[in-house]
């Protein structure tokens, strides 16, 4: 059985790093939503539809993006090391 060597770059990001990235993306999208709600106060006419649509649909997309966990290599977990049997009788 041949053991394959894995580099640190082939490992998926840590759960903390991935959670932080998703929280930042969610916060940015919610910030844009706040701007859309504020724009609804000043914008008039047909242009009002653009910030209104953003204010209505951005929360849905923000939650979908925030809950999308990145799965690498088809869900197969890579371990940083492996046990290799060493036979001293050679």
PDB file of N, CA and C in Angstrom:
ATOM      1  N   UNK A   1       0.834  -1.162   0.000  1.00  0.00           N
ATOM      2  CA  UNK A   1       0.000   0.000   0.000  1.00  0.00           C
ATOM      3  C   UNK A   1       0.892   1.242   0.000  1.00  0.00           C
ATOM      4  N   UNK A   2       0.664   2.106  -0.957  1.00  0.00           N
ATOM      5  CA  UNK A   2       1.488   3.297  -1.089  1.00  0.00           C
ATOM      6  C   UNK A   2       0.768   4.488  -0.459  1.00  0.00           C
ATOM      7  N   UNK A   3       1.446   5.167   0.433  1.00  0.00           N
ATOM      8  CA  UNK A   3       0.864   6.345   1.076  1.00  0.00           C
ATOM      9  C   UNK A   3       1.105   7.563   0.193  1.00  0.00           C
ATOM     10  N   UNK A   4       0.088   8.379   0.066  1.00  0.00           N
ATOM     11  CA  UNK A   4       0.240   9.596  -0.719  1.00  0.00           C
ATOM     12  C   UNK A   4       0.531  10.753   0.227  1.00  0.00           C
ATOM     13  N   UNK A   5       1.394  11.610  -0.212  1.00  0.00           N
ATOM     14  CA  UNK A   5       1.745  12.766   0.605  1.00  0.00           C
ATOM     15  C   UNK A   5       0.819  13.923   0.263  1.00  0.00           C
ATOM     16  N   UNK A   6       0.303  14.552   1.293  1.00  0.00           N
ATOM     17  CA  UNK A   6      -0.564  15.708   1.107  1.00  0.00           C
ATOM     18  C   UNK A   6       0.173  16.946   1.578  1.00  0.00           C
ATOM     19  N   UNK A   7       0.018  18.001   0.825  1.00  0.00           N
ATOM     20  CA  UNK A   7       0.603  19.262   1.254  1.00  0.00           C
ATOM     21  C   UNK A   7      -0.446  20.050   2.023  1.00  0.00           C
ATOM     22  N   UNK A   8      -0.007  21.029   2.759  1.00  0.00           N
ATOM     23  CA  UNK A   8      -0.934  21.836   3.537  1.00  0.00           C
ATOM     24  C   UNK A   8      -1.887  22.613   2.635  1.00  0.00           C
ATOM     25  N   UNK A   9      -1.492  22.867   1.395  1.00  0.00           N
ATOM     26  CA  UNK A   9      -2.372  23.601   0.478  1.00  0.00           C
ATOM     27  C   UNK A   9      -3.489  22.734  -0.073  1.00  0.00           C
ATOM     28  N   UNK A  10      -3.382  21.409   0.031  1.00  0.00           N
ATOM     29  CA  UNK A  10      -4.439  20.551  -0.477  1.00  0.00           C
ATOM     30  C   UNK A  10      -5.534  20.318   0.561  1.00  0.00           C
ATOM     31  N   UNK A  11      -5.330  20.775   1.784  1.00  0.00           N
ATOM     32  CA  UNK A  11      -6.340  20.617   2.816  1.00  0.00           C
ATOM     33  C   UNK A  11      -7.388  21.708   2.696  1.00  0.00           C
ATOM     34  N   UNK A  12      -8.636  21.396   3.060  1.00  0.00           N
ATOM     35  CA  UNK A  12      -9.677  22.433   3.004  1.00  0.00           C
ATOM     36  C   UNK A  12      -9.441  23.465   4.106  1.00  0.00           C
ATOM     37  N   UNK A  13     -10.065  24.644   3.973  1.00  0.00           N
ATOM     38  CA  UNK A  13      -9.896  25.661   5.029  1.00  0.00           C
ATOM     39  C   UNK A  13     -10.489  25.179   6.339  1.00  0.00           C
ATOM     40  N   UNK A  14      -9.978  25.688   7.433  1.00  0.00           N
ATOM     41  CA  UNK A  14     -10.486  25.290   8.747  1.00  0.00           C
ATOM     42  C   UNK A  14     -11.926  25.766   8.895  1.00  0.00           C
ATOM     43  N   UNK A  15     -12.701  25.100   9.746  1.00  0.00           N
ATOM     44  CA  UNK A  15     -14.093  25.528   9.945  1.00  0.00           C
ATOM     45  C   UNK A  15     -14.199  26.977  10.419  1.00  0.00           C
ATOM     46  N   UNK A  16     -13.276  27.416  11.265  1.00  0.00           N
ATOM     47  CA  UNK A  16     -13.309  28.805  11.735  1.00  0.00           C
ATOM     48  C   UNK A  16     -13.072  29.784  10.599  1.00  0.00           C
ATOM     49  N   UNK A  17     -12.111  29.489   9.729  1.00  0.00           N
ATOM     50  CA  UNK A  17     -11.812  30.374   8.600  1.00  0.00           C
ATOM     51  C   UNK A  17     -12.983  30.417   7.624  1.00  0.00           C
ATOM     52  N   UNK A  18     -13.591  29.262   7.368  1.00  0.00           N
ATOM     53  CA  UNK A  18     -14.718  29.224   6.444  1.00  0.00           C
ATOM     54  C   UNK A  18     -15.926  29.973   7.025  1.00  0.00           C
ATOM     55  N   UNK A  19     -16.188  29.789   8.333  1.00  0.00           N
ATOM     56  CA  UNK A  19     -17.290  30.491   8.987  1.00  0.00           C
ATOM     57  C   UNK A  19     -17.066  32.004   8.942  1.00  0.00           C
ATOM     58  N   UNK A  20     -15.834  32.436   9.191  1.00  0.00           N
ATOM     59  CA  UNK A  20     -15.521  33.873   9.166  1.00  0.00           C
ATOM     60  C   UNK A  20     -15.764  34.453   7.772  1.00  0.00           C
ATOM     61  N   UNK A  21     -15.342  33.716   6.732  1.00  0.00           N
ATOM     62  CA  UNK A  21     -15.540  34.171   5.353  1.00  0.00           C
ATOM     63  C   UNK A  21     -17.026  34.305   5.037  1.00  0.00           C
ATOM     64  N   UNK A  22     -17.831  33.324   5.460  1.00  0.00           N
ATOM     65  CA  UNK A  22     -19.266  33.383   5.199  1.00  0.00           C
ATOM     66  C   UNK A  22     -19.930  34.520   5.966  1.00  0.00           C
ATOM     67  N   UNK A  23     -19.472  34.789   7.192  1.00  0.00           N
ATOM     68  CA  UNK A  23     -20.040  35.892   7.974  1.00  0.00           C
ATOM     69  C   UNK A  23     -19.728  37.242   7.339  1.00  0.00           C
ATOM     70  N   UNK A  24     -18.518  37.378   6.789  1.00  0.00           N
ATOM     71  CA  UNK A  24     -18.149  38.625   6.120  1.00  0.00           C
ATOM     72  C   UNK A  24     -19.009  38.829   4.872  1.00  0.00           C
ATOM     73  N   UNK A  25     -19.193  37.771   4.080  1.00  0.00           N
ATOM     74  CA  UNK A  25     -20.035  37.878   2.882  1.00  0.00           C
ATOM     75  C   UNK A  25     -21.469  38.256   3.256  1.00  0.00           C
ATOM     76  N   UNK A  26     -22.002  37.632   4.317  1.00  0.00           N
ATOM     77  CA  UNK A  26     -23.363  37.933   4.760  1.00  0.00           C
ATOM     78  C   UNK A  26     -23.471  39.388   5.214  1.00  0.00           C
ATOM     79  N   UNK A  27     -22.485  39.850   5.962  1.00  0.00           N
ATOM     80  CA  UNK A  27     -22.508  41.232   6.459  1.00  0.00           C
ATOM     81  C   UNK A  27     -22.461  42.241   5.309  1.00  0.00           C
ATOM     82  N   UNK A  28     -21.660  41.952   4.299  1.00  0.00           N
ATOM     83  CA  UNK A  28     -21.587  42.848   3.136  1.00  0.00           C
ATOM     84  C   UNK A  28     -22.935  42.903   2.415  1.00  0.00           C
ATOM     85  N   UNK A  29     -23.554  41.741   2.227  1.00  0.00           N
ATOM     86  CA  UNK A  29     -24.848  41.720   1.543  1.00  0.00           C
ATOM     87  C   UNK A  29     -25.926  42.444   2.358  1.00  0.00           C
ATOM     88  N   UNK A  30     -25.891  42.315   3.679  1.00  0.00           N
ATOM     89  CA  UNK A  30     -26.867  43.018   4.508  1.00  0.00           C
ATOM     90  C   UNK A  30     -26.587  44.521   4.521  1.00  0.00           C
ATOM     91  N   UNK A  31     -25.330  44.916   4.396  1.00  0.00           N
ATOM     92  CA  UNK A  31     -24.995  46.333   4.271  1.00  0.00           C
ATOM     93  C   UNK A  31     -25.552  46.922   2.991  1.00  0.00           C
ATOM     94  N   UNK A  32     -25.461  46.173   1.903  1.00  0.00           N
ATOM     95  CA  UNK A  32     -26.035  46.610   0.627  1.00  0.00           C
ATOM     96  C   UNK A  32     -27.550  46.708   0.746  1.00  0.00           C
ATOM     97  N   UNK A  33     -28.154  45.797   1.502  1.00  0.00           N
ATOM     98  CA  UNK A  33     -29.607  45.847   1.696  1.00  0.00           C
ATOM     99  C   UNK A  33     -30.008  47.113   2.447  1.00  0.00           C
ATOM    100  N   UNK A  34     -29.247  47.473   3.466  1.00  0.00           N
ATOM    101  CA  UNK A  34     -29.545  48.706   4.204  1.00  0.00           C
ATOM    102  C   UNK A  34     -29.470  49.905   3.264  1.00  0.00           C
ATOM    103  N   UNK A  35     -28.470  49.913   2.392  1.00  0.00           N
ATOM    104  CA  UNK A  35     -28.367  51.003   1.413  1.00  0.00           C
ATOM    105  C   UNK A  35     -29.570  51.019   0.471  1.00  0.00           C
ATOM    106  N   UNK A  36     -30.055  49.831   0.097  1.00  0.00           N
ATOM    107  CA  UNK A  36     -31.244  49.761  -0.769  1.00  0.00           C
ATOM    108  C   UNK A  36     -32.475  50.310  -0.053  1.00  0.00           C
ATOM    109  N   UNK A  37     -32.630  49.969   1.223  1.00  0.00           N
ATOM    110  CA  UNK A  37     -33.780  50.477   1.988  1.00  0.00           C
ATOM    111  C   UNK A  37     -33.693  51.998   2.100  1.00  0.00           C
ATOM    112  N   UNK A  38     -32.504  52.510   2.386  1.00  0.00           N
ATOM    113  CA  UNK A  38     -32.340  53.968   2.473  1.00  0.00           C
ATOM    114  C   UNK A  38     -32.573  54.637   1.121  1.00  0.00           C
ATOM    115  N   UNK A  39     -32.178  53.992   0.043  1.00  0.00           N
ATOM    116  CA  UNK A  39     -32.385  54.551  -1.296  1.00  0.00           C
ATOM    117  C   UNK A  39     -33.871  54.616  -1.632  1.00  0.00           C
ATOM    118  N   UNK A  40     -34.668  53.710  -1.057  1.00  0.00           N
ATOM    119  CA  UNK A  40     -36.111  53.731  -1.310  1.00  0.00           C
ATOM    120  C   UNK A  40     -36.758  55.016  -0.785  1.00  0.00           C
ATOM    121  N   UNK A  41     -36.107  55.648   0.180  1.00  0.00           N
ATOM    122  CA  UNK A  41     -36.661  56.892   0.728  1.00  0.00           C
ATOM    123  C   UNK A  41     -36.535  58.035  -0.280  1.00  0.00           C
ATOM    124  N   UNK A  42     -35.412  58.108  -0.984  1.00  0.00           N
ATOM    125  CA  UNK A  42     -35.139  59.255  -1.853  1.00  0.00           C
ATOM    126  C   UNK A  42     -35.446  59.028  -3.331  1.00  0.00           C
ATOM    127  N   UNK A  43     -35.432  57.805  -3.784  1.00  0.00           N
ATOM    128  CA  UNK A  43     -35.628  57.521  -5.215  1.00  0.00           C
ATOM    129  C   UNK A  43     -37.123  57.548  -5.534  1.00  0.00           C
ATOM    130  N   UNK A  44     -37.472  58.135  -6.664  1.00  0.00           N
ATOM    131  CA  UNK A  44     -38.877  58.230  -7.087  1.00  0.00           C
ATOM    132  C   UNK A  44     -39.034  57.673  -8.500  1.00  0.00           C
ATOM    133  N   UNK A  45     -40.273  57.399  -8.844  1.00  0.00           N
ATOM    134  CA  UNK A  45     -40.590  56.917 -10.184  1.00  0.00           C
ATOM    135  C   UNK A  45     -40.261  55.435 -10.344  1.00  0.00           C
ATOM    136  N   UNK A  46     -40.026  55.068 -11.607  1.00  0.00           N
ATOM    137  CA  UNK A  46     -39.710  53.672 -11.904  1.00  0.00           C
ATOM    138  C   UNK A  46     -38.364  53.229 -11.326  1.00  0.00           C
ATOM    139  N   UNK A  47     -37.500  54.193 -11.042  1.00  0.00           N
ATOM    140  CA  UNK A  47     -36.197  53.848 -10.474  1.00  0.00           C
ATOM    141  C   UNK A  47     -36.336  53.251  -9.072  1.00  0.00           C
ATOM    142  N   UNK A  48     -37.469  53.464  -8.443  1.00  0.00           N
ATOM    143  CA  UNK A  48     -37.709  52.928  -7.103  1.00  0.00           C
ATOM    144  C   UNK A  48     -37.708  51.400  -7.091  1.00  0.00           C
ATOM    145  N   UNK A  49     -38.012  50.799  -8.248  1.00  0.00           N
ATOM    146  CA  UNK A  49     -38.056  49.329  -8.309  1.00  0.00           C
ATOM    147  C   UNK A  49     -36.685  48.694  -8.066  1.00  0.00           C
ATOM    148  N   UNK A  50     -35.634  49.347  -8.494  1.00  0.00           N
ATOM    149  CA  UNK A  50     -34.290  48.756  -8.356  1.00  0.00           C
ATOM    150  C   UNK A  50     -33.900  48.585  -6.884  1.00  0.00           C
ATOM    151  N   UNK A  51     -33.937  49.641  -6.051  1.00  0.00           N
ATOM    152  CA  UNK A  51     -33.594  49.412  -4.646  1.00  0.00           C
ATOM    153  C   UNK A  51     -34.644  48.583  -3.907  1.00  0.00           C
ATOM    154  N   UNK A  52     -35.914  48.659  -4.326  1.00  0.00           N
ATOM    155  CA  UNK A  52     -36.952  47.861  -3.676  1.00  0.00           C
ATOM    156  C   UNK A  52     -36.727  46.370  -3.908  1.00  0.00           C
ATOM    157  N   UNK A  53     -36.401  46.006  -5.130  1.00  0.00           N
ATOM    158  CA  UNK A  53     -36.110  44.598  -5.428  1.00  0.00           C
ATOM    159  C   UNK A  53     -34.875  44.139  -4.658  1.00  0.00           C
ATOM    160  N   UNK A  54     -33.862  44.996  -4.585  1.00  0.00           N
ATOM    161  CA  UNK A  54     -32.669  44.655  -3.809  1.00  0.00           C
ATOM    162  C   UNK A  54     -32.984  44.464  -2.340  1.00  0.00           C
ATOM    163  N   UNK A  55     -33.816  45.336  -1.778  1.00  0.00           N
ATOM    164  CA  UNK A  55     -34.168  45.237  -0.359  1.00  0.00           C
ATOM    165  C   UNK A  55     -35.018  44.003  -0.068  1.00  0.00           C
ATOM    166  N   UNK A  56     -35.804  43.575  -1.045  1.00  0.00           N
ATOM    167  CA  UNK A  56     -36.676  42.413  -0.831  1.00  0.00           C
ATOM    168  C   UNK A  56     -35.925  41.097  -1.021  1.00  0.00           C
ATOM    169  N   UNK A  57     -35.116  40.984  -2.068  1.00  0.00           N
ATOM    170  CA  UNK A  57     -34.514  39.696  -2.405  1.00  0.00           C
ATOM    171  C   UNK A  57     -33.102  39.472  -1.850  1.00  0.00           C
ATOM    172  N   UNK A  58     -32.416  40.527  -1.447  1.00  0.00           N
ATOM    173  CA  UNK A  58     -31.064  40.346  -0.908  1.00  0.00           C
ATOM    174  C   UNK A  58     -31.015  39.486   0.353  1.00  0.00           C
ATOM    175  N   UNK A  59     -31.975  39.571   1.274  1.00  0.00           N
ATOM    176  CA  UNK A  59     -31.898  38.685   2.449  1.00  0.00           C
ATOM    177  C   UNK A  59     -31.917  37.206   2.091  1.00  0.00           C
ATOM    178  N   UNK A  60     -32.732  36.830   1.104  1.00  0.00           N
ATOM    179  CA  UNK A  60     -32.780  35.431   0.677  1.00  0.00           C
ATOM    180  C   UNK A  60     -31.422  34.981   0.145  1.00  0.00           C
ATOM    181  N   UNK A  61     -30.842  35.769  -0.754  1.00  0.00           N
ATOM    182  CA  UNK A  61     -29.553  35.402  -1.330  1.00  0.00           C
ATOM    183  C   UNK A  61     -28.453  35.416  -0.279  1.00  0.00           C
ATOM    184  N   UNK A  62     -28.537  36.343   0.672  1.00  0.00           N
ATOM    185  CA  UNK A  62     -27.521  36.406   1.728  1.00  0.00           C
ATOM    186  C   UNK A  62     -27.549  35.155   2.584  1.00  0.00           C
ATOM    187  N   UNK A  63     -28.727  34.668   2.906  1.00  0.00           N
ATOM    188  CA  UNK A  63     -28.835  33.448   3.717  1.00  0.00           C
ATOM    189  C   UNK A  63     -28.366  32.234   2.928  1.00  0.00           C
ATOM    190  N   UNK A  64     -28.722  32.164   1.655  1.00  0.00           N
ATOM    191  CA  UNK A  64     -28.281  31.039   0.822  1.00  0.00           C
ATOM    192  C   UNK A  64     -26.759  31.017   0.721  1.00  0.00           C
ATOM    193  N   UNK A  65     -26.152  32.172   0.489  1.00  0.00           N
ATOM    194  CA  UNK A  65     -24.690  32.250   0.383  1.00  0.00           C
ATOM    195  C   UNK A  65     -24.040  31.933   1.723  1.00  0.00           C
ATOM    196  N   UNK A  66     -24.618  32.428   2.817  1.00  0.00           N
ATOM    197  CA  UNK A  66     -24.031  32.210   4.141  1.00  0.00           C
ATOM    198  C   UNK A  66     -24.115  30.747   4.564  1.00  0.00           C
ATOM    199  N   UNK A  67     -25.131  30.036   4.096  1.00  0.00           N
ATOM    200  CA  UNK A  67     -25.283  28.629   4.478  1.00  0.00           C
ATOM    201  C   UNK A  67     -24.619  27.670   3.503  1.00  0.00           C
ATOM    202  N   UNK A  68     -24.076  28.168   2.422  1.00  0.00           N
ATOM    203  CA  UNK A  68     -23.418  27.313   1.439  1.00  0.00           C
ATOM    204  C   UNK A  68     -22.020  26.966   1.951  1.00  0.00           C
ATOM    205  N   UNK A  69     -21.887  25.754   2.432  1.00  0.00           N
ATOM    206  CA  UNK A  69     -20.595  25.288   2.939  1.00  0.00           C
ATOM    207  C   UNK A  69     -19.849  24.674   1.777  1.00  0.00           C
ATOM    208  N   UNK A  70     -18.602  25.064   1.626  1.00  0.00           N
ATOM    209  CA  UNK A  70     -17.788  24.586   0.518  1.00  0.00           C
ATOM    210  C   UNK A  70     -17.310  23.172   0.808  1.00  0.00           C
ATOM    211  N   UNK A  71     -17.618  22.247  -0.099  1.00  0.00           N
ATOM    212  CA  UNK A  71     -17.186  20.860   0.040  1.00  0.00           C
ATOM    213  C   UNK A  71     -16.159  20.597  -1.048  1.00  0.00           C
ATOM    214  N   UNK A  72     -14.997  20.147  -0.655  1.00  0.00           N
ATOM    215  CA  UNK A  72     -13.942  19.893  -1.626  1.00  0.00           C
ATOM    216  C   UNK A  72     -13.821  18.433  -1.997  1.00  0.00           C
ATOM    217  N   UNK A  73     -13.454  18.153  -3.220  1.00  0.00           N
ATOM    218  CA  UNK A  73     -13.188  16.801  -3.724  1.00  0.00           C
ATOM    219  C   UNK A  73     -14.352  15.839  -3.510  1.00  0.00           C
ATOM    220  N   UNK A  74     -15.559  16.262  -3.796  1.00  0.00           N
ATOM    221  CA  UNK A  74     -16.709  15.372  -3.721  1.00  0.00           C
ATOM    222  C   UNK A  74     -17.045  14.926  -2.311  1.00  0.00           C
ATOM    223  N   UNK A  75     -16.695  15.698  -1.328  1.00  0.00           N
ATOM    224  CA  UNK A  75     -17.018  15.359   0.040  1.00  0.00           C
ATOM    225  C   UNK A  75     -16.031  14.411   0.705  1.00  0.00           C
ATOM    226  N   UNK A  76     -15.001  14.027   0.016  1.00  0.00           N
ATOM    227  CA  UNK A  76     -14.015  13.112   0.582  1.00  0.00           C
ATOM    228  C   UNK A  76     -13.065  13.905   1.483  1.00  0.00           C
ATOM    229  N   UNK A  77     -12.942  13.467   2.718  1.00  0.00           N
ATOM    230  CA  UNK A  77     -12.104  14.159   3.684  1.00  0.00           C
ATOM    231  C   UNK A  77     -10.671  13.674   3.531  1.00  0.00           C
ATOM    232  N   UNK A  78      -9.765  14.637   3.417  1.00  0.00           N
ATOM    233  CA  UNK A  78      -8.351  14.291   3.341  1.00  0.00           C
ATOM    234  C   UNK A  78      -7.744  14.411   4.724  1.00  0.00           C
ATOM    235  N   UNK A  79      -6.989  13.433   5.109  1.00  0.00           N
ATOM    236  CA  UNK A  79      -6.331  13.470   6.394  1.00  0.00           C
ATOM    237  C   UNK A  79      -4.893  13.947   6.200  1.00  0.00           C
ATOM    238  N   UNK A  80      -4.364  14.715   7.164  1.00  0.00           N
ATOM    239  CA  UNK A  80      -3.028  15.262   6.987  1.00  0.00           C
ATOM    240  C   UNK A  80      -1.918  14.215   7.071  1.00  0.00           C
ATOM    241  N   UNK A  81      -2.206  13.040   7.531  1.00  0.00           N
ATOM    242  CA  UNK A  81      -1.183  12.008   7.627  1.00  0.00           C
ATOM    243  C   UNK A  81      -1.821  10.642   7.495  1.00  0.00           C
ATOM    244  N   UNK A  82      -1.015   9.624   7.378  1.00  0.00           N
ATOM    245  CA  UNK A  82      -1.544   8.276   7.272  1.00  0.00           C
ATOM    246  C   UNK A  82      -0.619   7.328   8.026  1.00  0.00           C
ATOM    247  N   UNK A  83      -1.186   6.238   8.496  1.00  0.00           N
ATOM    248  CA  UNK A  83      -0.387   5.218   9.154  1.00  0.00           C
ATOM    249  C   UNK A  83       0.196   4.300   8.088  1.00  0.00           C
ATOM    250  N   UNK A  84       1.475   4.129   8.135  1.00  0.00           N
ATOM    251  CA  UNK A  84       2.151   3.255   7.186  1.00  0.00           C
ATOM    252  C   UNK A  84       2.826   2.154   7.983  1.00  0.00           C
ATOM    253  N   UNK A  85       2.515   0.919   7.631  1.00  0.00           N
ATOM    254  CA  UNK A  85       3.094  -0.222   8.340  1.00  0.00           C
ATOM    255  C   UNK A  85       4.558  -0.356   7.947  1.00  0.00           C
ATOM    256  N   UNK A  86       5.393  -0.441   8.928  1.00  0.00           N
ATOM    257  CA  UNK A  86       6.825  -0.562   8.705  1.00  0.00           C
ATOM    258  C   UNK A  86       7.259  -1.939   9.192  1.00  0.00           C
ATOM    259  N   UNK A  87       7.829  -2.719   8.277  1.00  0.00           N
ATOM    260  CA  UNK A  87       8.247  -4.083   8.612  1.00  0.00           C
ATOM    261  C   UNK A  87       9.766  -4.087   8.777  1.00  0.00           C
ATOM    262  N   UNK A  88      10.251  -4.377  10.014  1.00  0.00           N
ATOM    263  CA  UNK A  88      11.691  -4.393  10.303  1.00  0.00           C
ATOM    264  C   UNK A  88      12.367  -5.704   9.919  1.00  0.00           C
ATOM    265  N   UNK A  89      11.630  -6.718   9.487  1.00  0.00           N
ATOM    266  CA  UNK A  89      12.215  -8.034   9.227  1.00  0.00           C
ATOM    267  C   UNK A  89      12.922  -8.118   7.882  1.00  0.00           C
ATOM    268  N   UNK A  90      13.013  -7.092   7.119  1.00  0.00           N
ATOM    269  CA  UNK A  90      13.661  -7.165   5.809  1.00  0.00           C
ATOM    270  C   UNK A  90      15.119  -7.258   5.926  1.00  0.00           C
TER     271      UNK A  90
END
